Amino acid sequence: MQNLLDIVSLFINFATDILCGLKAFLNRENMKHLSLLPAIALMLLSCSAENEEIIAQQVQALSSVYVTVPDTSDAVTMETVERVAANFGNKLVETKATGEKSIESVLTIRSEADVPQLYVVNYSNNAGFMVISATKDYEPVLAYSDQGTFDVTAAENSGLSVWLDEQKYNIDKASSFPDSLKLKFRSRWMEYTDAKKEMPQTRAYSDVINLVSSQYNQWIAEGYTVYFLSDYKNTDEFKALPSDVQDKFLTLPLGYANPNYGGRDAVTFVLCKTTTTVEEVLPLTKTTWDQIGGYNECVPNREELGCATVAVGQIMRYHEYPAYYPWDDMPNTEPETVTSQFLVEVGRALGIDYEHGDSGANINEMLAVLKNFGYSQSRQVGHDASVVEDNLKNNLPVLMTGFDQAGHGWVCDGFRSTYTGPKQLLLMTLEDCPPEYEPTKFLNLYSYSLGHGVASSRYHMNWGWGGISNGYFFDDNLTTDLGDGTLVNYVNDRKDIVDIYPNN
């Protein structure tokens, strides 16, 4: 409202000057024309009102500018979880011909001390799931899928329980991680928890508003995230910058930013941009075989087949070797008698005694069976990222094993690895100028390159339970480089069978 009053005041002053001039000009003989002065004044005021309305229409016609507001809270609340689920989940469908995902349920997994550790988000209409950390000192999105659901109950009987135990262990220890590692994780949280707010239009000068709006849209088109400096300076990311860099961000606007449009804070921005490269191998296996549900038709007493049996069987089905098995008669997603017969044969080769309720096998037994079936190059290794990814790039699924209260085996058949380069920071402000002039450009006051880049990989797991909870999982048991040359592994040892391919 004050903006409009300023404009009206300008026109009234202008009208008054005109009237005074006319009064001095008119002599006694022309005093009769003074009766025209009220009409002239009304005409001028009418013009001012019309101009005021035109300006208001111009301002309204300009697109609103929404700057990013960083989430500086340490807490992971239910609102935080829903924001991460919405932002990350909708990014998954950006390239798909589907609508936005909606959340059906959120389950909290708690420690024995009743402290939240993980949040399991299932989307409506079987549109996938997400597992989110309950601390910002750790990776935000720990698992996801764009189809199916995450079944915590079923996880107890599969290798998924090993993964869950590892994540809970790391989350409990996250507060003691090196600051450099925690900062990397917190930077990733910013990608999914930032909000938006409309930038206030402090003065009704359409040219300036248009300048800000068009410049902002250009920044967004160039891939920048735009923050007010006054907001960005409260983030952990800013506080971790070298002190001399912080000083430049805080002091340079004092000499160059225009204070006439809501103050310097209202026209000073921090632009952030990273370049991201993605490398991926889409899931290699198409089977969603199960330990029960018809797949155990030929098992004595319909006992469960065992996760090791299903894992070995699915890899053999992928390679369709040995050739003497009727692979075409074994569907990927439906149980058939011939599939059950094959799996029982694999189980017995593993030494499983189904008649006495046995269903387990260790990694040595799995390796021996694969070699006996003609996969003679197969070998056992410690769990390592480079070996796993090399196999997957060569279209070779990996058989993974782990232990909690029991041994488990499952198939890793794909991965998605993202490398985010150093974050580029730009300090931009609206140029200062005398009050009688309007600014025409933004100034780049300072640039800074933050960090050395961050890699993050998630691996597609086929757990061998009819497709339940299959998806991409953050597998941090892989050795972590803290950035200073220190290599650490925070969880129990795991082993894999790699180089699984037929002799032919």
Protein backbone atom coordinates (compact mmCIF):
# COMPACT_ATOMS: atom_id res chain seq x y z
CA MET A 1 0.00 0.00 0.00
CA GLN A 2 2.87 2.39 0.79
CA ASN A 3 4.16 1.92 -2.74
CA LEU A 4 0.84 3.06 -4.18
CA LEU A 5 0.70 6.08 -1.86
CA ASP A 6 4.17 7.12 -2.99
CA ILE A 7 3.06 7.10 -6.63
CA VAL A 8 -0.14 9.03 -5.88
CA SER A 9 1.88 11.60 -3.91
CA LEU A 10 4.21 12.15 -6.85
CA PHE A 11 1.31 12.86 -9.19
CA ILE A 12 -0.41 15.17 -6.68
CA ASN A 13 2.78 17.20 -6.32
CA PHE A 14 3.07 17.34 -10.08
CA ALA A 15 -0.55 18.49 -10.39
CA THR A 16 -0.03 21.16 -7.73
CA ASP A 17 2.97 22.57 -9.57
CA ILE A 18 0.94 22.77 -12.77
CA LEU A 19 -1.92 24.54 -11.02
CA CYS A 20 0.41 27.08 -9.41
CA GLY A 21 1.98 27.81 -12.74
CA LEU A 22 -1.38 28.32 -14.36
CA LYS A 23 -2.47 30.63 -11.58
CA ALA A 24 0.58 32.86 -12.03
CA PHE A 25 0.12 32.87 -15.77
CA LEU A 26 -3.49 33.90 -15.75
CA ASN A 27 -4.06 37.65 -15.33
CA ARG A 28 -7.04 39.43 -13.85
CA GLU A 29 -8.80 39.37 -17.25
CA ASN A 30 -8.44 35.62 -17.46
CA MET A 31 -9.57 34.93 -13.88
CA LYS A 32 -12.77 33.58 -15.33
CA HIS A 33 -10.73 30.61 -16.61
CA LEU A 34 -9.84 29.64 -13.06
CA SER A 35 -13.05 27.70 -13.05
CA LEU A 36 -11.19 25.20 -15.26
CA LEU A 37 -8.56 24.44 -12.63
CA PRO A 38 -10.59 21.86 -10.66
CA ALA A 39 -11.29 20.00 -13.89
CA ILE A 40 -7.59 20.03 -14.79
CA ALA A 41 -6.71 18.74 -11.34
CA LEU A 42 -9.26 15.95 -11.59
CA MET A 43 -7.93 15.04 -15.04
CA LEU A 44 -4.35 14.81 -13.71
CA LEU A 45 -5.44 12.73 -10.72
CA SER A 46 -7.39 10.47 -13.05
CA CYS A 47 -4.26 9.97 -15.17
CA SER A 48 -2.27 9.14 -12.05
CA ALA A 49 -4.85 6.54 -11.02
CA GLU A 50 -4.77 5.02 -14.49
CA ASN A 51 -0.96 4.87 -14.41
CA GLU A 52 -1.10 3.37 -10.95
CA GLU A 53 -3.47 0.68 -12.22
CA ILE A 54 -1.23 -0.01 -15.24
CA ILE A 55 1.80 -0.45 -12.99
CA ALA A 56 -0.13 -2.75 -10.69
CA GLN A 57 -1.21 -4.84 -13.68
CA GLN A 58 2.38 -5.02 -14.92
CA VAL A 59 3.60 -6.18 -11.53
CA GLN A 60 0.83 -8.75 -11.26
CA ALA A 61 1.65 -10.05 -14.75
CA LEU A 62 5.25 -10.80 -13.80
CA SER A 63 5.96 -14.36 -12.73
CA SER A 64 6.45 -14.87 -9.02
CA VAL A 65 9.99 -15.57 -7.86
CA TYR A 66 10.42 -18.39 -5.36
CA VAL A 67 13.83 -18.61 -3.74
CA THR A 68 15.08 -21.70 -1.95
CA VAL A 69 14.97 -21.80 1.84
CA PRO A 70 17.49 -24.22 3.40
CA ASP A 71 16.37 -26.55 6.15
CA THR A 72 18.82 -25.73 8.96
CA SER A 73 17.20 -27.94 11.59
CA ASP A 74 19.13 -30.88 13.02
CA ALA A 75 15.98 -32.90 13.60
CA VAL A 76 14.44 -35.35 11.14
CA THR A 77 10.73 -34.85 11.77
CA MET A 78 7.80 -36.50 10.07
CA GLU A 79 7.48 -33.34 7.97
CA THR A 80 11.12 -33.78 6.93
CA VAL A 81 10.46 -37.40 5.98
CA GLU A 82 7.45 -36.47 3.87
CA ARG A 83 9.41 -33.71 2.13
CA VAL A 84 12.29 -36.05 1.30
CA ALA A 85 9.87 -38.72 0.11
CA ALA A 86 8.05 -36.24 -2.11
CA ASN A 87 11.14 -34.56 -3.57
CA PHE A 88 13.22 -37.70 -4.11
CA GLY A 89 10.26 -39.82 -5.18
CA ASN A 90 9.06 -37.35 -7.77
CA LYS A 91 12.58 -37.05 -9.19
CA LEU A 92 12.41 -40.77 -9.91
CA VAL A 93 9.41 -40.29 -12.18
CA GLU A 94 10.60 -37.15 -14.00
CA THR A 95 11.52 -39.22 -17.05
CA LYS A 96 8.54 -41.56 -16.82
CA ALA A 97 5.03 -41.08 -18.14
CA THR A 98 3.51 -41.21 -14.66
CA GLY A 99 2.06 -38.70 -12.27
CA GLU A 100 3.49 -37.61 -8.96
CA LYS A 101 3.70 -40.20 -6.22
CA SER A 102 1.56 -39.98 -3.10
CA ILE A 103 2.49 -41.45 0.26
CA GLU A 104 0.34 -44.29 1.58
CA SER A 105 2.11 -45.00 4.87
CA VAL A 106 5.19 -44.18 6.94
CA LEU A 107 6.57 -46.74 9.39
CA THR A 108 9.15 -45.80 12.03
CA ILE A 109 11.81 -48.38 12.90
CA ARG A 110 13.13 -47.74 16.41
CA SER A 111 16.09 -48.86 18.46
CA GLU A 112 15.78 -50.87 21.66
CA ALA A 113 15.93 -47.51 23.46
CA ASP A 114 12.87 -46.40 21.45
CA VAL A 115 14.88 -43.89 19.39
CA PRO A 116 13.89 -43.54 15.69
CA GLN A 117 16.49 -45.06 13.37
CA LEU A 118 14.74 -45.45 10.01
CA TYR A 119 11.54 -44.35 8.31
CA VAL A 120 9.96 -46.69 5.77
CA VAL A 121 7.76 -44.87 3.25
CA ASN A 122 5.45 -46.87 0.99
CA TYR A 123 3.76 -45.06 -1.90
CA SER A 124 0.17 -45.57 -2.93
CA ASN A 125 -0.86 -47.90 -5.75
CA ASN A 126 2.17 -50.16 -5.36
CA ALA A 127 4.31 -47.32 -6.76
CA GLY A 128 7.42 -48.14 -4.77
CA PHE A 129 9.01 -47.35 -1.45
CA MET A 130 11.76 -45.42 0.25
CA VAL A 131 13.82 -45.96 3.40
CA ILE A 132 15.02 -42.72 5.02
CA SER A 133 17.58 -42.23 7.77
CA ALA A 134 16.48 -40.70 11.08
CA THR A 135 19.68 -38.65 11.42
CA LYS A 136 21.18 -35.97 9.21
CA ASP A 137 24.66 -37.23 10.08
CA TYR A 138 24.07 -40.12 7.68
CA GLU A 139 22.92 -40.69 4.10
CA PRO A 140 19.31 -39.46 3.71
CA VAL A 141 17.85 -41.95 1.21
CA LEU A 142 19.00 -45.45 2.08
CA ALA A 143 16.79 -47.46 -0.25
CA TYR A 144 14.17 -46.89 -2.92
CA SER A 145 12.18 -48.54 -5.64
CA ASP A 146 9.71 -47.19 -8.18
CA GLN A 147 7.51 -50.25 -7.85
CA GLY A 148 6.33 -52.66 -5.18
CA THR A 149 6.43 -52.21 -1.41
CA PHE A 150 8.86 -52.60 1.48
CA ASP A 151 7.76 -55.36 3.86
CA VAL A 152 9.56 -55.12 7.21
CA THR A 153 8.09 -58.41 8.43
CA ALA A 154 9.35 -60.34 5.41
CA ALA A 155 12.77 -58.77 5.89
CA GLU A 156 13.36 -60.93 8.95
CA ASN A 157 13.70 -64.03 6.76
CA SER A 158 15.96 -62.66 4.03
CA GLY A 159 19.25 -60.93 3.42
CA LEU A 160 17.36 -57.69 3.87
CA SER A 161 17.66 -58.24 7.63
CA VAL A 162 21.46 -58.10 7.25
CA TRP A 163 21.18 -54.79 5.40
CA LEU A 164 18.79 -53.36 8.00
CA ASP A 165 21.11 -54.34 10.85
CA GLU A 166 24.02 -52.63 9.09
CA GLN A 167 22.07 -49.42 8.58
CA LYS A 168 20.86 -49.34 12.17
CA TYR A 169 24.40 -49.89 13.39
CA ASN A 170 25.73 -47.02 11.27
CA ILE A 171 22.93 -44.69 12.30
CA ASP A 172 23.66 -45.37 15.97
CA LYS A 173 27.35 -44.54 15.34
CA ALA A 174 26.78 -41.60 12.97
CA SER A 175 27.24 -38.89 15.58
CA SER A 176 30.84 -40.05 16.04
CA PHE A 177 31.67 -40.02 12.33
CA PRO A 178 34.38 -37.54 11.22
CA ASP A 179 33.03 -34.03 10.64
CA SER A 180 34.09 -34.18 6.99
CA LEU A 181 31.92 -37.25 6.42
CA LYS A 182 28.93 -35.82 8.29
CA LEU A 183 29.15 -32.60 6.25
CA LYS A 184 28.94 -34.62 3.02
CA PHE A 185 25.80 -36.33 4.29
CA ARG A 186 24.23 -33.05 5.42
CA SER A 187 24.86 -31.50 2.01
CA ARG A 188 22.87 -34.36 0.48
CA TRP A 189 20.00 -33.71 2.88
CA MET A 190 19.79 -30.15 1.54
CA GLU A 191 18.90 -31.53 -1.89
CA TYR A 192 15.66 -33.02 -0.60
CA THR A 193 14.62 -30.89 2.40
CA ASP A 194 14.92 -27.32 1.09
CA ALA A 195 11.64 -25.42 0.82
CA LYS A 196 10.56 -22.49 -1.38
CA LYS A 197 9.31 -19.04 -0.47
CA GLU A 198 8.07 -16.20 -2.63
CA MET A 199 10.44 -13.27 -2.83
CA PRO A 200 8.68 -10.08 -1.63
CA GLN A 201 8.16 -7.28 -4.14
CA THR A 202 9.18 -4.34 -2.00
CA ARG A 203 8.67 -1.50 -4.49
CA ALA A 204 6.25 -1.14 -7.35
CA TYR A 205 8.87 -0.40 -10.00
CA SER A 206 8.02 -2.90 -12.69
CA ASP A 207 11.38 -2.58 -14.48
CA VAL A 208 13.31 -3.62 -11.36
CA ILE A 209 10.88 -6.40 -10.53
CA ASN A 210 11.14 -7.63 -14.09
CA LEU A 211 14.95 -7.53 -13.85
CA VAL A 212 14.93 -9.65 -10.70
CA SER A 213 12.36 -12.07 -12.10
CA SER A 214 14.10 -12.56 -15.45
CA GLN A 215 17.52 -12.92 -13.83
CA TYR A 216 16.18 -15.47 -11.34
CA ASN A 217 14.57 -17.51 -14.12
CA GLN A 218 17.85 -17.45 -16.03
CA TRP A 219 19.72 -18.75 -12.98
CA ILE A 220 17.24 -21.59 -12.56
CA ALA A 221 17.48 -22.44 -16.27
CA GLU A 222 21.26 -22.65 -15.87
CA GLY A 223 20.85 -25.23 -13.11
CA TYR A 224 21.47 -23.09 -10.03
CA THR A 225 19.73 -23.38 -6.69
CA VAL A 226 19.11 -19.83 -5.45
CA TYR A 227 19.23 -18.84 -1.77
CA PHE A 228 19.09 -15.51 -0.01
CA LEU A 229 22.50 -14.95 1.55
CA SER A 230 20.67 -14.21 4.80
CA ASP A 231 19.31 -17.79 4.74
CA TYR A 232 22.34 -19.60 3.35
CA LYS A 233 24.69 -18.22 6.01
CA ASN A 234 22.80 -20.25 8.63
CA THR A 235 23.52 -23.62 7.00
CA ASP A 236 26.13 -26.14 8.15
CA GLU A 237 27.59 -25.93 4.67
CA PHE A 238 28.29 -22.21 5.01
CA LYS A 239 29.60 -22.55 8.57
CA ALA A 240 32.12 -25.15 7.35
CA LEU A 241 33.62 -22.74 4.79
CA PRO A 242 37.05 -21.26 5.58
CA SER A 243 36.71 -18.13 7.71
CA ASP A 244 38.18 -15.86 5.03
CA VAL A 245 35.62 -17.15 2.52
CA GLN A 246 32.79 -16.54 4.97
CA ASP A 247 34.06 -12.99 5.49
CA LYS A 248 33.94 -12.28 1.76
CA PHE A 249 30.36 -13.49 1.51
CA LEU A 250 29.29 -11.35 4.46
CA THR A 251 31.23 -8.14 3.79
CA LEU A 252 31.28 -7.68 0.01
CA PRO A 253 27.53 -6.91 -0.26
CA LEU A 254 27.99 -3.98 2.15
CA GLY A 255 29.88 -2.06 -0.52
CA TYR A 256 28.09 -3.18 -3.67
CA ALA A 257 24.49 -4.22 -2.94
CA ASN A 258 21.63 -1.83 -3.62
CA PRO A 259 19.91 -0.92 -0.31
CA ASN A 260 16.91 0.80 -1.90
CA TYR A 261 14.76 -2.26 -2.64
CA GLY A 262 14.04 -3.77 0.73
CA GLY A 263 17.61 -3.62 2.00
CA ARG A 264 20.77 -5.38 0.92
CA ASP A 265 19.58 -8.76 2.25
CA ALA A 266 16.60 -8.66 -0.11
CA VAL A 267 18.76 -8.39 -3.24
CA THR A 268 21.80 -10.52 -2.36
CA PHE A 269 21.79 -14.18 -3.34
CA VAL A 270 24.00 -17.25 -3.15
CA LEU A 271 23.80 -19.45 -6.24
CA CYS A 272 24.77 -23.11 -5.87
CA LYS A 273 25.34 -25.58 -8.68
CA THR A 274 26.90 -29.00 -9.03
CA THR A 275 27.46 -31.20 -12.04
CA THR A 276 26.25 -34.76 -11.65
CA THR A 277 27.23 -37.75 -13.72
CA VAL A 278 25.32 -41.01 -13.49
CA GLU A 279 26.53 -44.49 -14.27
CA GLU A 280 24.12 -47.36 -14.01
CA VAL A 281 23.40 -50.94 -14.91
CA LEU A 282 19.69 -51.69 -14.94
CA PRO A 283 18.57 -54.85 -13.11
CA LEU A 284 19.91 -57.86 -15.00
CA THR A 285 17.65 -60.56 -13.60
CA LYS A 286 13.98 -60.67 -14.51
CA THR A 287 12.99 -63.42 -12.10
CA THR A 288 11.06 -62.79 -8.90
CA TRP A 289 11.26 -66.33 -7.59
CA ASP A 290 10.22 -67.15 -4.04
CA GLN A 291 10.98 -69.67 -1.31
CA ILE A 292 7.30 -70.52 -0.99
CA GLY A 293 4.09 -69.77 -2.93
CA GLY A 294 4.29 -72.70 -5.33
CA TYR A 295 8.05 -72.60 -5.82
CA ASN A 296 8.31 -75.08 -2.94
CA GLU A 297 5.72 -77.43 -4.47
CA CYS A 298 8.23 -80.27 -4.75
CA VAL A 299 9.86 -79.73 -1.36
CA PRO A 300 9.04 -82.41 1.23
CA ASN A 301 6.42 -81.06 3.62
CA ARG A 302 6.40 -77.84 1.60
CA GLU A 303 9.31 -76.49 3.60
CA GLU A 304 10.90 -73.22 2.50
CA LEU A 305 13.47 -73.63 -0.24
CA GLY A 306 16.04 -71.44 1.49
CA CYS A 307 17.50 -68.13 0.34
CA ALA A 308 20.76 -69.73 -0.86
CA THR A 309 18.82 -72.09 -3.11
CA VAL A 310 16.77 -69.30 -4.68
CA ALA A 311 19.82 -67.04 -5.12
CA VAL A 312 21.85 -69.72 -6.91
CA GLY A 313 18.81 -70.77 -8.94
CA GLN A 314 18.01 -67.24 -10.13
CA ILE A 315 21.59 -66.67 -11.31
CA MET A 316 21.55 -69.96 -13.20
CA ARG A 317 18.18 -69.02 -14.74
CA TYR A 318 19.70 -65.70 -15.84
CA HIS A 319 22.56 -67.47 -17.68
CA GLU A 320 20.30 -70.37 -18.78
CA TYR A 321 23.09 -72.82 -18.07
CA PRO A 322 23.58 -75.80 -17.99
CA ALA A 323 21.78 -76.11 -21.30
CA TYR A 324 20.10 -79.40 -20.41
CA TYR A 325 17.58 -77.68 -18.14
CA PRO A 326 14.27 -76.63 -19.78
CA TRP A 327 14.75 -72.92 -19.08
CA ASP A 328 11.94 -71.81 -21.36
CA ASP A 329 9.53 -73.73 -19.16
CA MET A 330 10.56 -71.75 -16.07
CA PRO A 331 8.70 -68.40 -16.11
CA ASN A 332 10.29 -65.35 -14.56
CA THR A 333 7.38 -64.44 -12.32
CA GLU A 334 5.07 -67.46 -11.96
CA PRO A 335 5.75 -70.78 -10.19
CA GLU A 336 5.71 -73.97 -12.24
CA THR A 337 6.35 -77.57 -11.25
CA VAL A 338 9.46 -77.70 -13.42
CA THR A 339 10.83 -74.63 -11.62
CA SER A 340 10.21 -76.20 -8.24
CA GLN A 341 11.89 -79.43 -9.36
CA PHE A 342 14.94 -77.49 -10.51
CA LEU A 343 15.20 -75.53 -7.27
CA VAL A 344 14.92 -78.67 -5.15
CA GLU A 345 17.76 -80.16 -7.16
CA VAL A 346 19.87 -77.05 -6.49
CA GLY A 347 18.99 -77.23 -2.81
CA ARG A 348 20.02 -80.87 -2.49
CA ALA A 349 23.28 -80.08 -4.32
CA LEU A 350 23.89 -77.47 -1.62
CA GLY A 351 23.55 -80.22 0.98
CA ILE A 352 20.16 -79.09 2.27
CA ASP A 353 18.20 -81.81 4.09
CA TYR A 354 14.62 -80.77 3.41
CA GLU A 355 13.23 -83.89 5.08
CA HIS A 356 14.48 -82.62 8.43
CA GLY A 357 13.52 -78.96 7.98
CA ASP A 358 16.95 -77.79 6.87
CA SER A 359 17.15 -74.92 4.35
CA GLY A 360 20.50 -73.23 4.96
CA ALA A 361 23.82 -73.24 3.11
CA ASN A 362 27.03 -71.28 3.52
CA ILE A 363 29.07 -69.42 0.93
CA ASN A 364 31.57 -72.24 0.48
CA GLU A 365 28.76 -74.64 -0.38
CA MET A 366 27.24 -72.15 -2.82
CA LEU A 367 30.58 -71.62 -4.54
CA ALA A 368 31.18 -75.38 -4.84
CA VAL A 369 27.74 -75.95 -6.38
CA LEU A 370 28.23 -73.19 -8.95
CA LYS A 371 31.55 -74.69 -9.98
CA ASN A 372 29.98 -78.15 -10.23
CA PHE A 373 27.26 -76.73 -12.50
CA GLY A 374 29.88 -75.37 -14.90
CA TYR A 375 30.60 -71.89 -13.52
CA SER A 376 34.22 -72.79 -12.89
CA GLN A 377 35.60 -69.21 -12.81
CA SER A 378 33.42 -68.24 -9.86
CA ARG A 379 35.36 -67.01 -6.85
CA GLN A 380 34.77 -65.76 -3.34
CA VAL A 381 35.83 -62.23 -2.36
CA GLY A 382 35.38 -59.76 0.44
CA HIS A 383 32.60 -57.27 -0.23
CA ASP A 384 34.12 -54.51 -2.39
CA ALA A 385 32.54 -51.82 -4.57
CA SER A 386 34.91 -51.96 -7.51
CA VAL A 387 34.65 -55.74 -7.89
CA VAL A 388 30.86 -55.68 -7.63
CA GLU A 389 30.49 -52.88 -10.17
CA ASP A 390 32.98 -54.43 -12.60
CA ASN A 391 30.94 -57.63 -12.60
CA LEU A 392 27.68 -55.79 -13.13
CA LYS A 393 29.16 -53.74 -15.98
CA ASN A 394 30.01 -57.06 -17.62
CA ASN A 395 26.40 -58.21 -17.19
CA LEU A 396 27.29 -60.64 -14.41
CA PRO A 397 24.97 -60.72 -11.37
CA VAL A 398 26.77 -61.08 -8.03
CA LEU A 399 25.78 -63.51 -5.28
CA MET A 400 26.01 -61.73 -1.93
CA THR A 401 26.04 -63.28 1.53
CA GLY A 402 25.74 -61.98 5.06
CA PHE A 403 24.93 -63.08 8.57
CA ASP A 404 22.81 -61.95 11.48
CA GLN A 405 21.33 -64.73 13.58
CA ALA A 406 21.48 -66.89 10.45
CA GLY A 407 23.20 -66.92 7.09
CA HIS A 408 21.57 -65.31 4.06
CA GLY A 409 22.22 -65.19 0.34
CA TRP A 410 20.75 -62.90 -2.31
CA VAL A 411 21.44 -61.51 -5.77
CA CYS A 412 22.83 -58.07 -6.61
CA ASP A 413 22.02 -57.46 -10.27
CA GLY A 414 22.36 -53.72 -10.93
CA PHE A 415 23.55 -50.40 -9.58
CA ARG A 416 23.15 -46.67 -9.94
CA SER A 417 26.16 -44.56 -9.07
CA THR A 418 26.11 -40.77 -9.03
CA TYR A 419 29.16 -38.57 -8.83
CA THR A 420 28.44 -35.01 -7.78
CA GLY A 421 31.29 -32.67 -8.61
CA PRO A 422 32.50 -29.79 -6.43
CA LYS A 423 29.72 -27.33 -5.62
CA GLN A 424 30.13 -23.94 -7.28
CA LEU A 425 29.04 -20.96 -5.18
CA LEU A 426 28.35 -17.52 -6.68
CA LEU A 427 27.61 -14.39 -4.66
CA MET A 428 25.24 -12.20 -6.69
CA THR A 429 23.71 -8.85 -5.80
CA LEU A 430 21.66 -6.09 -7.39
CA GLU A 431 24.01 -3.25 -8.35
CA ASP A 432 24.02 -0.12 -6.22
CA CYS A 433 23.27 3.22 -7.88
CA PRO A 434 22.04 6.71 -6.93
CA PRO A 435 18.41 6.75 -5.69
CA GLU A 436 17.23 8.68 -8.75
CA TYR A 437 18.32 5.81 -11.02
CA GLU A 438 17.10 2.26 -11.26
CA PRO A 439 19.60 -0.64 -11.29
CA THR A 440 19.96 -2.54 -14.55
CA LYS A 441 22.05 -5.59 -13.67
CA PHE A 442 23.31 -8.02 -11.04
CA LEU A 443 26.96 -8.15 -10.00
CA ASN A 444 28.94 -11.33 -9.41
CA LEU A 445 30.85 -10.31 -6.28
CA TYR A 446 32.60 -13.60 -5.52
CA SER A 447 32.95 -17.23 -6.63
CA TYR A 448 34.06 -20.26 -4.67
CA SER A 449 34.41 -23.99 -5.37
CA LEU A 450 33.29 -26.10 -2.43
CA GLY A 451 34.64 -29.59 -1.74
CA HIS A 452 36.15 -32.27 -3.91
CA GLY A 453 33.04 -34.01 -5.18
CA VAL A 454 30.94 -36.78 -3.66
CA ALA A 455 30.18 -40.26 -4.99
CA SER A 456 27.11 -42.21 -3.91
CA SER A 457 26.09 -45.66 -5.10
CA ARG A 458 23.02 -47.78 -4.58
CA TYR A 459 22.80 -51.41 -5.60
CA HIS A 460 19.78 -53.26 -6.92
CA MET A 461 19.04 -56.25 -4.71
CA ASN A 462 16.85 -59.23 -5.58
CA TRP A 463 16.15 -60.72 -2.14
CA GLY A 464 14.54 -63.93 -3.40
CA TRP A 465 11.14 -63.41 -1.77
CA GLY A 466 8.85 -63.10 -4.78
CA GLY A 467 9.98 -59.56 -5.58
CA ILE A 468 9.09 -58.20 -2.13
CA SER A 469 11.32 -55.25 -1.18
CA ASN A 470 13.47 -55.58 -4.31
CA GLY A 471 15.05 -52.22 -5.06
CA TYR A 472 18.13 -50.01 -4.85
CA PHE A 473 19.99 -50.01 -1.53
CA PHE A 474 22.73 -47.80 -0.13
CA ASP A 475 25.34 -50.44 0.70
CA ASP A 476 27.82 -48.62 2.89
CA ASN A 477 29.56 -51.81 3.96
CA LEU A 478 31.71 -50.99 0.96
CA THR A 479 34.92 -49.32 2.08
CA THR A 480 34.49 -45.58 2.67
CA ASP A 481 37.14 -42.99 1.89
CA LEU A 482 36.89 -40.19 4.43
CA GLY A 483 38.57 -37.78 2.01
CA ASP A 484 41.93 -37.67 3.77
CA GLY A 485 43.14 -41.07 2.60
CA THR A 486 41.65 -42.89 5.59
CA LEU A 487 39.72 -46.02 4.59
CA VAL A 488 37.12 -47.33 7.01
CA ASN A 489 34.49 -50.04 7.19
CA TYR A 490 31.99 -49.61 9.97
CA VAL A 491 30.12 -52.93 9.86
CA ASN A 492 30.59 -56.65 9.99
CA ASP A 493 32.41 -58.53 7.26
CA ARG A 494 30.45 -59.65 4.21
CA LYS A 495 31.46 -61.90 1.34
CA ASP A 496 30.39 -62.22 -2.29
CA ILE A 497 30.69 -64.72 -5.11
CA VAL A 498 31.76 -62.96 -8.31
CA ASP A 499 32.78 -63.84 -11.87
CA ILE A 500 29.80 -66.18 -12.16
CA TYR A 501 29.55 -67.16 -15.82
CA PRO A 502 29.33 -70.46 -17.74
CA ASN A 503 32.39 -72.25 -19.05
CA ASN A 504 31.08 -71.94 -22.60
